[in-house]
Amino acid sequence: MEVFEAVRTVLAVRSYQDHPVPPEIVQRIVDAGRLTGSSMNRQPWHFIIIDDQDTLRQLGAMARTGPYIVQAPLAIVVVVEKTPFAVSDASRAIQSMILTGWSKGLGSNWVGFMGLTEVNTLLGIPENLDVFAIIPFGYPAQSIGKGKKQRKPLSEVVHRGRF
C-alpha cells in the first residue's frame, strides 16, 4: 500500500477476528517503530510484543480506555525512557507501527497515555521506564469503510505564509 493511501484510509479498529498475526508481520510492525526517527537519535523506546491471551486479558482490564485489547491476537506495549522528547518520539513510532499494520490488513488503535503503572509490574518493566501506550493489532472483525473520515476541509486548517 502506498504511504499516502495508508494515511488516508487508516481507521481506529476496536474489534478483531480470532486469527493470529503472522510472525513476519509482527516483526515488520516493531521494525517500523524501531526505524522511526527520534530527537537526537536517542530512540527512547522499548516495544514489548504480547500475544499471550491471558496477558492480553490482564492488559485489557488495566487499560480503562481499551478493554477490547482482550479480543486482539496481538498488542505492542510501548515503553519509554523518562526523557524530554520521549512523548513525541514514541508517538511517531506508534504511528509508524499503526500504518505498517494497516498496510498489511491489520487494524489497531492507541490505548492509554501514560498512567499505566500496573502494567510495569505485570510485564517486569523497570521503574525507571514508563508504559506510554498499548497498541492492539488484529484483523478487523467486520468490514470497515476505508477512508470514510469526518475531517475538517483543508481550507479550515491549512494556511500559507501567515495564519
C-alpha atoms as a PDB file:
ATOM      1  CA  MET A   1       0.000   0.000   0.000  1.00  0.00           C
ATOM      2  CA  GLU A   2       1.300   3.431  -0.929  1.00  0.00           C
ATOM      3  CA  VAL A   3       2.072   5.626   2.131  1.00  0.00           C
ATOM      4  CA  PHE A   4      -0.481   8.375   1.462  1.00  0.00           C
ATOM      5  CA  GLU A   5      -3.148   5.738   0.832  1.00  0.00           C
ATOM      6  CA  ALA A   6      -2.426   4.231   4.256  1.00  0.00           C
ATOM      7  CA  VAL A   7      -2.654   7.658   5.911  1.00  0.00           C
ATOM      8  CA  ARG A   8      -5.842   8.486   4.001  1.00  0.00           C
ATOM      9  CA  THR A   9      -7.615   5.231   4.801  1.00  0.00           C
ATOM     10  CA  VAL A  10      -6.434   4.152   8.269  1.00  0.00           C
ATOM     11  CA  LEU A  11      -9.221   3.983  10.844  1.00  0.00           C
ATOM     12  CA  ALA A  12      -9.363   3.007  14.518  1.00  0.00           C
ATOM     13  CA  VAL A  13     -10.295  -0.652  14.935  1.00  0.00           C
ATOM     14  CA  ARG A  14     -11.577  -1.970  18.258  1.00  0.00           C
ATOM     15  CA  SER A  15     -12.927  -5.381  17.285  1.00  0.00           C
ATOM     16  CA  TYR A  16     -10.784  -8.175  15.912  1.00  0.00           C
ATOM     17  CA  GLN A  17     -11.050 -11.609  14.329  1.00  0.00           C
ATOM     18  CA  ASP A  18      -9.751 -14.582  16.264  1.00  0.00           C
ATOM     19  CA  HIS A  19      -6.881 -15.023  13.835  1.00  0.00           C
ATOM     20  CA  PRO A  20      -3.186 -14.811  14.799  1.00  0.00           C
ATOM     21  CA  VAL A  21      -0.873 -12.270  13.218  1.00  0.00           C
ATOM     22  CA  PRO A  22       1.943 -13.985  11.296  1.00  0.00           C
ATOM     23  CA  PRO A  23       5.386 -13.551  12.913  1.00  0.00           C
ATOM     24  CA  GLU A  24       6.837 -11.817   9.843  1.00  0.00           C
ATOM     25  CA  ILE A  25       4.155  -9.112  10.060  1.00  0.00           C
ATOM     26  CA  VAL A  26       4.741  -8.680  13.811  1.00  0.00           C
ATOM     27  CA  GLN A  27       8.453  -8.281  13.063  1.00  0.00           C
ATOM     28  CA  ARG A  28       7.731  -5.709  10.368  1.00  0.00           C
ATOM     29  CA  ILE A  29       5.480  -3.686  12.711  1.00  0.00           C
ATOM     30  CA  VAL A  30       8.061  -3.428  15.503  1.00  0.00           C
ATOM     31  CA  ASP A  31      10.810  -2.774  12.976  1.00  0.00           C
ATOM     32  CA  ALA A  32       8.775   0.173  11.666  1.00  0.00           C
ATOM     33  CA  GLY A  33       8.704   1.554  15.211  1.00  0.00           C
ATOM     34  CA  ARG A  34      12.428   0.982  15.668  1.00  0.00           C
ATOM     35  CA  LEU A  35      13.287   2.678  12.367  1.00  0.00           C
ATOM     36  CA  THR A  36      11.278   5.828  13.133  1.00  0.00           C
ATOM     37  CA  GLY A  37      13.290   8.998  13.599  1.00  0.00           C
ATOM     38  CA  SER A  38      13.799  10.350  17.095  1.00  0.00           C
ATOM     39  CA  SER A  39      15.149  13.510  18.686  1.00  0.00           C
ATOM     40  CA  MET A  40      18.957  13.431  18.663  1.00  0.00           C
ATOM     41  CA  ASN A  41      18.621   9.761  17.646  1.00  0.00           C
ATOM     42  CA  ARG A  42      18.106   8.792  21.295  1.00  0.00           C
ATOM     43  CA  GLN A  43      15.474   6.158  20.443  1.00  0.00           C
ATOM     44  CA  PRO A  44      13.928   6.327  23.955  1.00  0.00           C
ATOM     45  CA  TRP A  45      11.588   3.395  23.392  1.00  0.00           C
ATOM     46  CA  HIS A  46      11.133  -0.287  24.007  1.00  0.00           C
ATOM     47  CA  PHE A  47       8.448  -2.434  22.374  1.00  0.00           C
ATOM     48  CA  ILE A  48       7.031  -5.456  24.174  1.00  0.00           C
ATOM     49  CA  ILE A  49       5.220  -7.940  21.938  1.00  0.00           C
ATOM     50  CA  ILE A  50       2.253  -9.543  23.696  1.00  0.00           C
ATOM     51  CA  ASP A  51       0.416 -12.448  22.086  1.00  0.00           C
ATOM     52  CA  ASP A  52      -0.434 -14.495  25.173  1.00  0.00           C
ATOM     53  CA  GLN A  53      -4.219 -14.444  25.644  1.00  0.00           C
ATOM     54  CA  ASP A  54      -4.061 -14.305  29.456  1.00  0.00           C
ATOM     55  CA  THR A  55      -1.690 -11.326  29.369  1.00  0.00           C
ATOM     56  CA  LEU A  56      -3.894  -9.584  26.779  1.00  0.00           C
ATOM     57  CA  ARG A  57      -6.880 -10.134  29.103  1.00  0.00           C
ATOM     58  CA  GLN A  58      -4.982  -8.576  32.012  1.00  0.00           C
ATOM     59  CA  LEU A  59      -3.875  -5.615  29.890  1.00  0.00           C
ATOM     60  CA  GLY A  60      -7.480  -5.065  28.805  1.00  0.00           C
ATOM     61  CA  ALA A  61      -8.538  -4.970  32.456  1.00  0.00           C
ATOM     62  CA  MET A  62      -5.789  -2.490  33.357  1.00  0.00           C
ATOM     63  CA  ALA A  63      -6.358  -0.063  30.489  1.00  0.00           C
ATOM     64  CA  ARG A  64      -9.654   1.731  31.134  1.00  0.00           C
ATOM     65  CA  THR A  65      -9.812   3.057  27.574  1.00  0.00           C
ATOM     66  CA  GLY A  66      -9.099  -0.303  25.955  1.00  0.00           C
ATOM     67  CA  PRO A  67     -10.957  -3.290  27.360  1.00  0.00           C
ATOM     68  CA  TYR A  68     -11.156  -4.558  23.766  1.00  0.00           C
ATOM     69  CA  ILE A  69      -7.455  -5.449  23.980  1.00  0.00           C
ATOM     70  CA  VAL A  70      -8.650  -8.865  25.136  1.00  0.00           C
ATOM     71  CA  GLN A  71     -10.114  -9.502  21.658  1.00  0.00           C
ATOM     72  CA  ALA A  72      -6.855  -8.749  19.857  1.00  0.00           C
ATOM     73  CA  PRO A  73      -4.438 -11.533  18.984  1.00  0.00           C
ATOM     74  CA  LEU A  74      -1.522  -9.124  19.456  1.00  0.00           C
ATOM     75  CA  ALA A  75      -0.604  -5.986  21.359  1.00  0.00           C
ATOM     76  CA  ILE A  76       2.557  -3.938  21.395  1.00  0.00           C
ATOM     77  CA  VAL A  77       3.278  -2.251  24.726  1.00  0.00           C
ATOM     78  CA  VAL A  78       5.290   0.901  24.116  1.00  0.00           C
ATOM     79  CA  VAL A  79       7.633   1.749  26.968  1.00  0.00           C
ATOM     80  CA  VAL A  80       9.640   4.965  27.148  1.00  0.00           C
ATOM     81  CA  GLU A  81      12.618   6.343  28.971  1.00  0.00           C
ATOM     82  CA  LYS A  82      11.881   9.406  31.083  1.00  0.00           C
ATOM     83  CA  THR A  83      13.434  11.951  28.720  1.00  0.00           C
ATOM     84  CA  PRO A  84      12.135  15.302  27.428  1.00  0.00           C
ATOM     85  CA  PHE A  85      11.339  14.130  23.889  1.00  0.00           C
ATOM     86  CA  ALA A  86      10.125  10.601  24.660  1.00  0.00           C
ATOM     87  CA  VAL A  87       6.444  11.510  24.199  1.00  0.00           C
ATOM     88  CA  SER A  88       6.908  12.912  20.696  1.00  0.00           C
ATOM     89  CA  ASP A  89       9.378  10.191  19.687  1.00  0.00           C
ATOM     90  CA  ALA A  90       7.163   7.353  20.902  1.00  0.00           C
ATOM     91  CA  SER A  91       4.120   8.950  19.263  1.00  0.00           C
ATOM     92  CA  ARG A  92       5.947   8.951  15.946  1.00  0.00           C
ATOM     93  CA  ALA A  93       6.941   5.299  16.409  1.00  0.00           C
ATOM     94  CA  ILE A  94       3.354   4.319  17.248  1.00  0.00           C
ATOM     95  CA  GLN A  95       2.037   5.983  14.101  1.00  0.00           C
ATOM     96  CA  SER A  96       4.658   4.159  12.029  1.00  0.00           C
ATOM     97  CA  MET A  97       3.579   0.848  13.565  1.00  0.00           C
ATOM     98  CA  ILE A  98      -0.145   1.558  13.074  1.00  0.00           C
ATOM     99  CA  LEU A  99       0.375   2.483   9.408  1.00  0.00           C
ATOM    100  CA  THR A 100       2.578  -0.560   8.804  1.00  0.00           C
ATOM    101  CA  GLY A 101      -0.038  -2.841  10.343  1.00  0.00           C
ATOM    102  CA  TRP A 102      -2.782  -1.183   8.280  1.00  0.00           C
ATOM    103  CA  SER A 103      -0.805  -1.718   5.086  1.00  0.00           C
ATOM    104  CA  LYS A 104      -0.840  -5.446   5.904  1.00  0.00           C
ATOM    105  CA  GLY A 105      -4.585  -5.562   6.592  1.00  0.00           C
ATOM    106  CA  LEU A 106      -4.374  -5.171  10.375  1.00  0.00           C
ATOM    107  CA  GLY A 107      -6.468  -2.749  12.374  1.00  0.00           C
ATOM    108  CA  SER A 108      -5.310  -1.148  15.600  1.00  0.00           C
ATOM    109  CA  ASN A 109      -5.961   1.704  17.962  1.00  0.00           C
ATOM    110  CA  TRP A 110      -3.959   3.658  20.529  1.00  0.00           C
ATOM    111  CA  VAL A 111      -4.896   2.656  24.089  1.00  0.00           C
ATOM    112  CA  GLY A 112      -3.839   4.643  27.132  1.00  0.00           C
ATOM    113  CA  PHE A 113      -1.498   7.530  27.554  1.00  0.00           C
ATOM    114  CA  MET A 114       0.875   7.088  30.473  1.00  0.00           C
ATOM    115  CA  GLY A 115      -0.622   6.298  33.903  1.00  0.00           C
ATOM    116  CA  LEU A 116      -0.434   2.553  33.223  1.00  0.00           C
ATOM    117  CA  THR A 117       1.821   1.796  36.193  1.00  0.00           C
ATOM    118  CA  GLU A 118       0.165  -1.576  36.904  1.00  0.00           C
ATOM    119  CA  VAL A 119       1.496  -2.785  33.569  1.00  0.00           C
ATOM    120  CA  ASN A 120       5.082  -2.264  34.789  1.00  0.00           C
ATOM    121  CA  THR A 121       4.577  -4.929  37.450  1.00  0.00           C
ATOM    122  CA  LEU A 122       2.736  -7.315  35.122  1.00  0.00           C
ATOM    123  CA  LEU A 123       5.439  -7.193  32.455  1.00  0.00           C
ATOM    124  CA  GLY A 124       8.518  -6.754  34.666  1.00  0.00           C
ATOM    125  CA  ILE A 125       9.301  -3.277  33.359  1.00  0.00           C
ATOM    126  CA  PRO A 126      11.988  -1.435  35.369  1.00  0.00           C
ATOM    127  CA  GLU A 127      10.834   1.511  37.492  1.00  0.00           C
ATOM    128  CA  ASN A 128      12.973   3.986  35.541  1.00  0.00           C
ATOM    129  CA  LEU A 129      10.743   3.439  32.475  1.00  0.00           C
ATOM    130  CA  ASP A 130       7.094   4.377  31.796  1.00  0.00           C
ATOM    131  CA  VAL A 131       4.444   2.466  29.901  1.00  0.00           C
ATOM    132  CA  PHE A 132       3.418   5.026  27.308  1.00  0.00           C
ATOM    133  CA  ALA A 133       0.663   3.164  25.450  1.00  0.00           C
ATOM    134  CA  ILE A 134      -0.682  -0.217  24.406  1.00  0.00           C
ATOM    135  CA  ILE A 135      -1.435  -0.805  20.739  1.00  0.00           C
ATOM    136  CA  PRO A 136      -3.643  -3.833  19.998  1.00  0.00           C
ATOM    137  CA  PHE A 137      -3.441  -5.272  16.476  1.00  0.00           C
ATOM    138  CA  GLY A 138      -5.649  -7.713  14.633  1.00  0.00           C
ATOM    139  CA  TYR A 139      -7.635  -8.368  11.514  1.00  0.00           C
ATOM    140  CA  PRO A 140     -10.835  -6.285  11.734  1.00  0.00           C
ATOM    141  CA  ALA A 141     -13.877  -8.308  12.851  1.00  0.00           C
ATOM    142  CA  GLN A 142     -16.136  -6.562  10.376  1.00  0.00           C
ATOM    143  CA  SER A 143     -15.631  -4.869   7.064  1.00  0.00           C
ATOM    144  CA  ILE A 144     -14.746  -1.226   7.588  1.00  0.00           C
ATOM    145  CA  GLY A 145     -15.084   1.646   5.160  1.00  0.00           C
ATOM    146  CA  LYS A 146     -11.518   2.587   4.408  1.00  0.00           C
ATOM    147  CA  GLY A 147     -11.101   6.333   4.250  1.00  0.00           C
ATOM    148  CA  LYS A 148     -14.569   7.391   5.380  1.00  0.00           C
ATOM    149  CA  LYS A 149     -13.347  10.054   7.790  1.00  0.00           C
ATOM    150  CA  GLN A 150     -15.004  13.154   9.129  1.00  0.00           C
ATOM    151  CA  ARG A 151     -12.228  15.697   8.864  1.00  0.00           C
ATOM    152  CA  LYS A 152     -12.264  19.448   8.529  1.00  0.00           C
ATOM    153  CA  PRO A 153     -11.611  20.620   4.971  1.00  0.00           C
ATOM    154  CA  LEU A 154      -8.077  21.734   4.115  1.00  0.00           C
ATOM    155  CA  SER A 155      -9.318  25.319   3.779  1.00  0.00           C
ATOM    156  CA  GLU A 156     -10.074  25.378   7.525  1.00  0.00           C
ATOM    157  CA  VAL A 157      -6.747  24.048   8.745  1.00  0.00           C
ATOM    158  CA  VAL A 158      -4.099  24.995   6.185  1.00  0.00           C
ATOM    159  CA  HIS A 159      -2.613  28.488   5.966  1.00  0.00           C
ATOM    160  CA  ARG A 160       0.095  29.808   3.658  1.00  0.00           C
ATOM    161  CA  GLY A 161       2.617  32.337   4.869  1.00  0.00           C
ATOM    162  CA  ARG A 162       0.513  33.586   7.812  1.00  0.00           C
ATOM    163  CA  PHE A 163      -2.396  32.403   9.879  1.00  0.00           C
END
